[in-house]
C-alpha atoms as a PDB file:
ATOM      1  CA  MET A   1     -17.063 -18.761   3.622  1.00  0.00           C
ATOM      2  CA  GLU A   2     -15.814 -21.672   1.205  1.00  0.00           C
ATOM      3  CA  GLY A   3     -13.182 -19.705   0.190  1.00  0.00           C
ATOM      4  CA  ARG A   4     -12.311 -20.071   4.487  1.00  0.00           C
ATOM      5  CA  ARG A   5     -12.735 -23.424   4.537  1.00  0.00           C
ATOM      6  CA  ARG A   6     -10.477 -24.150   1.471  1.00  0.00           C
ATOM      7  CA  GLU A   7      -8.298 -22.137   3.191  1.00  0.00           C
ATOM      8  CA  SER A   8      -8.320 -24.113   6.722  1.00  0.00           C
ATOM      9  CA  ALA A   9      -8.037 -27.385   5.192  1.00  0.00           C
ATOM     10  CA  THR A  10      -4.500 -27.029   4.013  1.00  0.00           C
ATOM     11  CA  ALA A  11      -3.562 -24.568   7.076  1.00  0.00           C
ATOM     12  CA  PRO A  12      -1.386 -26.004   9.514  1.00  0.00           C
ATOM     13  CA  PHE A  13      -3.453 -25.284  12.303  1.00  0.00           C
ATOM     14  CA  GLY A  14      -6.473 -25.379  10.502  1.00  0.00           C
ATOM     15  CA  ALA A  15      -9.389 -22.752  10.810  1.00  0.00           C
ATOM     16  CA  PRO A  16      -8.179 -19.079  12.916  1.00  0.00           C
ATOM     17  CA  ILE A  17     -10.168 -19.448  16.208  1.00  0.00           C
ATOM     18  CA  ASP A  18     -11.295 -15.879  16.255  1.00  0.00           C
ATOM     19  CA  ASN A  19     -13.199 -16.799  12.869  1.00  0.00           C
ATOM     20  CA  ALA A  20     -15.157 -19.350  14.814  1.00  0.00           C
ATOM     21  CA  PHE A  21     -18.442 -16.848  15.386  1.00  0.00           C
ATOM     22  CA  LEU A  22     -18.268 -16.363  11.275  1.00  0.00           C
ATOM     23  CA  THR A  23     -19.292 -20.027  10.596  1.00  0.00           C
ATOM     24  CA  THR A  24     -22.716 -21.124   9.764  1.00  0.00           C
ATOM     25  CA  ASP A  25     -22.337 -23.904  12.813  1.00  0.00           C
ATOM     26  CA  PHE A  26     -21.640 -21.342  15.058  1.00  0.00           C
ATOM     27  CA  CYS A  27     -24.646 -18.724  14.455  1.00  0.00           C
ATOM     28  CA  ARG A  28     -27.041 -22.184  14.548  1.00  0.00           C
ATOM     29  CA  ALA A  29     -26.020 -22.784  18.203  1.00  0.00           C
ATOM     30  CA  VAL A  30     -26.190 -19.658  19.474  1.00  0.00           C
ATOM     31  CA  GLY A  31     -29.916 -19.363  18.111  1.00  0.00           C
ATOM     32  CA  TYR A  32     -29.379 -17.750  14.333  1.00  0.00           C
ATOM     33  CA  GLY A  33     -30.518 -19.750  11.213  1.00  0.00           C
ATOM     34  CA  MET A  34     -28.311 -18.427   9.540  1.00  0.00           C
ATOM     35  CA  LEU A  35     -24.720 -16.767   8.953  1.00  0.00           C
ATOM     36  CA  PRO A  36     -25.445 -12.795   9.252  1.00  0.00           C
ATOM     37  CA  VAL A  37     -24.370 -10.801   6.233  1.00  0.00           C
ATOM     38  CA  GLU A  38     -21.435  -8.893   7.725  1.00  0.00           C
ATOM     39  CA  PHE A  39     -21.290  -5.814   4.733  1.00  0.00           C
ATOM     40  CA  PRO A  40     -24.157  -6.220   2.762  1.00  0.00           C
ATOM     41  CA  ARG A  41     -22.865  -4.103  -0.081  1.00  0.00           C
ATOM     42  CA  PRO A  42     -19.458  -3.116  -0.394  1.00  0.00           C
ATOM     43  CA  VAL A  43     -18.281  -0.246   1.469  1.00  0.00           C
ATOM     44  CA  ARG A  44     -17.449   3.563  -0.504  1.00  0.00           C
ATOM     45  CA  SER A  45     -15.281   6.408   0.600  1.00  0.00           C
ATOM     46  CA  ALA A  46     -13.537   9.043  -0.712  1.00  0.00           C
ATOM     47  CA  VAL A  47     -12.053   9.148   2.981  1.00  0.00           C
ATOM     48  CA  PRO A  48      -8.055   8.211   3.012  1.00  0.00           C
ATOM     49  CA  VAL A  49      -7.083   4.779   4.171  1.00  0.00           C
ATOM     50  CA  LEU A  50      -4.083   3.010   5.182  1.00  0.00           C
ATOM     51  CA  MET A  51      -4.924  -0.856   5.081  1.00  0.00           C
ATOM     52  CA  LEU A  52      -1.760  -3.217   6.635  1.00  0.00           C
ATOM     53  CA  THR A  53      -1.453  -6.862   6.157  1.00  0.00           C
ATOM     54  CA  GLY A  54       1.544  -9.081   6.692  1.00  0.00           C
ATOM     55  CA  THR A  55       2.178 -11.778   4.616  1.00  0.00           C
ATOM     56  CA  LEU A  56       1.639 -14.307   7.378  1.00  0.00           C
ATOM     57  CA  ASP A  57      -1.696 -12.792   8.546  1.00  0.00           C
ATOM     58  CA  ALA A  58      -3.727 -15.974   7.934  1.00  0.00           C
ATOM     59  CA  THR A  59      -6.650 -13.667   9.302  1.00  0.00           C
ATOM     60  CA  ASN A  60      -6.952 -10.601   6.990  1.00  0.00           C
ATOM     61  CA  PRO A  61      -4.849 -11.778   3.754  1.00  0.00           C
ATOM     62  CA  ILE A  62      -3.518  -9.036   1.144  1.00  0.00           C
ATOM     63  CA  GLU A  63      -6.679 -10.309  -1.188  1.00  0.00           C
ATOM     64  CA  ASN A  64      -9.064  -8.940   1.780  1.00  0.00           C
ATOM     65  CA  ALA A  65      -7.374  -5.436   1.936  1.00  0.00           C
ATOM     66  CA  HIS A  66      -6.920  -5.175  -2.463  1.00  0.00           C
ATOM     67  CA  ASP A  67     -11.070  -6.076  -2.338  1.00  0.00           C
ATOM     68  CA  VAL A  68     -11.933  -3.485   0.368  1.00  0.00           C
ATOM     69  CA  ALA A  69      -9.383  -1.187  -1.052  1.00  0.00           C
ATOM     70  CA  ARG A  70     -11.448  -1.259  -4.211  1.00  0.00           C
ATOM     71  CA  GLY A  71     -13.979   1.220  -2.486  1.00  0.00           C
ATOM     72  CA  PHE A  72     -11.855   3.979  -1.307  1.00  0.00           C
ATOM     73  CA  ARG A  73     -10.240   6.482  -3.328  1.00  0.00           C
ATOM     74  CA  GLY A  74      -7.590   7.309  -1.483  1.00  0.00           C
ATOM     75  CA  ALA A  75      -6.598   3.886  -0.091  1.00  0.00           C
ATOM     76  CA  ALA A  76      -2.647   2.813   0.398  1.00  0.00           C
ATOM     77  CA  VAL A  77      -2.528  -0.889   0.945  1.00  0.00           C
ATOM     78  CA  LEU A  78       0.748  -1.939   2.799  1.00  0.00           C
ATOM     79  CA  GLU A  79       1.835  -5.654   3.112  1.00  0.00           C
ATOM     80  CA  VAL A  80       4.543  -6.309   5.669  1.00  0.00           C
ATOM     81  CA  GLU A  81       6.932  -8.897   4.948  1.00  0.00           C
ATOM     82  CA  ASN A  82       7.350 -11.641   7.489  1.00  0.00           C
ATOM     83  CA  ALA A  83       4.983  -9.777   9.494  1.00  0.00           C
ATOM     84  CA  ALA A  84       1.663 -11.700  11.006  1.00  0.00           C
ATOM     85  CA  HIS A  85      -1.655 -10.077  11.909  1.00  0.00           C
ATOM     86  CA  GLU A  86      -0.230  -7.953  14.631  1.00  0.00           C
ATOM     87  CA  ALA A  87       2.106  -5.578  12.268  1.00  0.00           C
ATOM     88  CA  LEU A  88       1.467  -2.709  14.164  1.00  0.00           C
ATOM     89  CA  THR A  89       4.583  -3.909  16.757  1.00  0.00           C
ATOM     90  CA  VAL A  90       7.273  -3.258  13.535  1.00  0.00           C
ATOM     91  CA  PRO A  91       8.779   0.053  13.929  1.00  0.00           C
ATOM     92  CA  ALA A  92       8.842   0.793  10.464  1.00  0.00           C
ATOM     93  CA  VAL A  93       4.866   0.077  10.420  1.00  0.00           C
ATOM     94  CA  GLN A  94       4.510   2.588  12.641  1.00  0.00           C
ATOM     95  CA  ASP A  95       6.719   4.957  10.931  1.00  0.00           C
ATOM     96  CA  VAL A  96       4.571   4.741   8.081  1.00  0.00           C
ATOM     97  CA  VAL A  97       1.142   5.231   9.882  1.00  0.00           C
ATOM     98  CA  VAL A  98       2.719   8.440  11.042  1.00  0.00           C
ATOM     99  CA  GLY A  99       3.638   9.548   7.533  1.00  0.00           C
ATOM    100  CA  PHE A 100       0.324   8.802   6.554  1.00  0.00           C
ATOM    101  CA  LEU A 101      -1.760  10.457   9.358  1.00  0.00           C
ATOM    102  CA  SER A 102       0.567  13.535   8.552  1.00  0.00           C
ATOM    103  CA  GLY A 103      -0.381  13.227   4.907  1.00  0.00           C
ATOM    104  CA  GLY A 104       2.337  11.778   3.292  1.00  0.00           C
ATOM    105  CA  ASP A 105       2.467   9.409   0.093  1.00  0.00           C
ATOM    106  CA  VAL A 106       3.299   5.914   1.749  1.00  0.00           C
ATOM    107  CA  SER A 107       1.568   3.687  -1.411  1.00  0.00           C
ATOM    108  CA  ARG A 108       4.564   3.267  -2.469  1.00  0.00           C
ATOM    109  CA  ARG A 109       6.503   1.340   0.698  1.00  0.00           C
ATOM    110  CA  ARG A 110       8.009  -1.856   1.011  1.00  0.00           C
ATOM    111  CA  ILE A 111       8.952  -2.889   4.718  1.00  0.00           C
ATOM    112  CA  ALA A 112      10.090  -6.010   5.903  1.00  0.00           C
ATOM    113  CA  ALA A 113       9.502  -7.217   9.706  1.00  0.00           C
ATOM    114  CA  PRO A 114      12.636  -9.704  11.115  1.00  0.00           C
ATOM    115  CA  MET A 115      12.063 -13.072  10.399  1.00  0.00           C
ATOM    116  CA  PRO A 116      10.457 -15.289  12.792  1.00  0.00           C
ATOM    117  CA  HIS A 117      11.445 -18.052  14.061  1.00  0.00           C
ATOM    118  CA  PHE A 118       9.604 -21.344  13.799  1.00  0.00           C
ATOM    119  CA  ALA A 119      10.771 -24.083  16.122  1.00  0.00           C
ATOM    120  CA  THR A 120      11.649 -27.152  14.910  1.00  0.00           C
ATOM    121  CA  ILE A 121       9.862 -30.455  16.420  1.00  0.00           C
ATOM    122  CA  ALA A 122      13.337 -30.919  18.163  1.00  0.00           C
ATOM    123  CA  GLU A 123      13.424 -27.311  19.297  1.00  0.00           C
ATOM    124  CA  ALA A 124       9.540 -27.735  20.570  1.00  0.00           C
ATOM    125  CA  LEU A 125      10.538 -31.143  22.592  1.00  0.00           C
ATOM    126  CA  GLN A 126      13.387 -29.957  24.178  1.00  0.00           C
ATOM    127  CA  ALA A 127      11.822 -26.866  25.723  1.00  0.00           C
ATOM    128  CA  THR A 128       9.098 -28.910  27.221  1.00  0.00           C
ATOM    129  CA  PRO A 129       9.263 -30.010  30.615  1.00  0.00           C
ATOM    130  CA  GLN A 130       9.294 -33.794  30.599  1.00  0.00           C
ATOM    131  CA  ARG A 131       6.706 -35.681  32.512  1.00  0.00           C
ATOM    132  CA  ALA A 132       7.881 -37.858  35.337  1.00  0.00           C
ATOM    133  CA  PRO A 133       6.906 -41.367  34.786  1.00  0.00           C
ATOM    134  CA  GLU A 134       3.634 -42.061  36.949  1.00  0.00           C
END
């Protein structure tokens, strides 16, 4: 929890909205006295697993994938350069998933999504419809 607060303090858009339910304040607001434990102990399994994350994924950064992967003997962790949370839309990622599900070794694959375009302030202002004075 403290890590999320520390990251959110420096993140350009603050805390991700989809993690709002993981805060102590939210839990108290809906009648829980404390934050519930999502996973009381590490998950361990011999089942092969492919974990995907993007270099721009603020929801599930690569460190989280590596932490969870430690419990899986057959884990492959793939970080997609320039991708955010929804990396499955990248055709090369889909190819890796198919390869993994077909029994292939994808652990050494390197994938880069197209570089996203982040609008400058000037571009954003130009694209914003201007209101007529009232």
